[in-house]
Amino acid sequence: MSGRRRAWAWAVVVWAALVVVAGVLTLWLQDSAEPPGPYSWEENSPTPALPEGWHSLCPSPTSDPEAGRTVVACAFISG
């Protein structure tokens, strides 16, 4: 094998090793950057109750024929 061919073979081996190491590091760092999971206040918080007669407090749904969807928005503030 000539010197030039041997240099190309080493370059390919080094490049492949760098690609593998970079991929492993990417996966490892990506997993460690994610949050640990749901917080305790999210798990234990009760679902707020809707006020009596909430149907009459919310607007009726509006249709958007161009988009082909129905939109309903309703908000309550408890104090």
Protein backbone atom coordinates (compact mmCIF):
# COMPACT_ATOMS: atom_id res chain seq x y z
CA MET A 1 0.00 0.00 0.00
CA SER A 2 1.41 3.36 -0.92
CA GLY A 3 1.99 6.16 1.58
CA ARG A 4 -0.83 8.27 0.17
CA ARG A 5 -3.33 5.41 0.44
CA ARG A 6 -2.24 4.67 3.99
CA ALA A 7 -2.72 8.36 4.93
CA TRP A 8 -6.24 8.32 3.46
CA ALA A 9 -7.07 5.14 5.36
CA TRP A 10 -5.92 6.68 8.65
CA ALA A 11 -7.86 9.88 7.88
CA VAL A 12 -11.05 7.84 7.31
CA VAL A 13 -10.53 5.85 10.53
CA VAL A 14 -9.92 9.03 12.56
CA TRP A 15 -12.95 10.72 10.98
CA ALA A 16 -15.20 7.71 11.72
CA ALA A 17 -13.98 7.59 15.34
CA LEU A 18 -14.72 11.31 15.77
CA VAL A 19 -18.21 10.85 14.34
CA VAL A 20 -18.95 8.00 16.76
CA VAL A 21 -17.60 9.95 19.76
CA ALA A 22 -19.58 13.07 18.79
CA GLY A 23 -22.78 11.03 18.41
CA VAL A 24 -22.37 9.37 21.79
CA LEU A 25 -21.62 12.72 23.46
CA THR A 26 -24.65 14.30 21.80
CA LEU A 27 -26.99 11.59 23.06
CA TRP A 28 -25.47 11.61 26.54
CA LEU A 29 -25.61 15.40 26.92
CA GLN A 30 -29.11 15.57 25.45
CA ASP A 31 -30.44 13.12 28.05
CA SER A 32 -28.75 14.95 30.93
CA ALA A 33 -30.14 18.34 29.79
CA GLU A 34 -33.77 17.24 30.07
CA PRO A 35 -35.69 18.07 33.23
CA PRO A 36 -35.98 15.25 35.79
CA GLY A 37 -39.73 14.88 35.41
CA PRO A 38 -42.96 16.42 36.66
CA TYR A 39 -42.68 18.56 39.75
CA SER A 40 -44.51 17.55 42.90
CA TRP A 41 -46.87 20.52 42.82
CA GLU A 42 -48.02 19.47 39.35
CA GLU A 43 -48.76 15.92 40.47
CA ASN A 44 -50.56 16.82 43.70
CA SER A 45 -52.48 19.93 42.68
CA PRO A 46 -56.24 19.35 42.49
CA THR A 47 -58.14 20.26 39.36
CA PRO A 48 -59.95 23.54 39.99
CA ALA A 49 -63.73 23.30 40.10
CA LEU A 50 -65.80 25.16 37.53
CA PRO A 51 -68.32 27.66 38.86
CA GLU A 52 -72.02 26.78 38.90
CA GLY A 53 -73.72 27.67 35.62
CA TRP A 54 -70.46 27.94 33.74
CA HIS A 55 -72.23 27.05 30.49
CA SER A 56 -74.04 30.37 30.53
CA LEU A 57 -70.83 32.27 31.37
CA CYS A 58 -68.88 31.01 28.34
CA PRO A 59 -69.51 32.31 24.84
CA SER A 60 -70.98 29.96 22.30
CA PRO A 61 -68.50 28.35 19.91
CA THR A 62 -67.59 30.28 16.79
CA SER A 63 -66.95 28.51 13.52
CA ASP A 64 -64.30 29.48 11.01
CA PRO A 65 -65.46 27.95 7.72
CA GLU A 66 -62.25 28.91 5.88
CA ALA A 67 -60.03 27.09 8.38
CA GLY A 68 -62.57 24.30 8.95
CA ARG A 69 -62.43 24.49 12.72
CA THR A 70 -64.51 25.54 15.70
CA VAL A 71 -62.95 27.76 18.35
CA VAL A 72 -64.10 28.02 21.97
CA ALA A 73 -62.36 30.19 24.53
CA CYS A 74 -63.42 30.55 28.14
CA ALA A 75 -61.46 31.66 31.20
CA PHE A 76 -62.28 31.73 34.92
CA ILE A 77 -60.45 33.46 37.74
CA SER A 78 -60.80 32.06 41.20
CA GLY A 79 -59.92 34.14 44.16
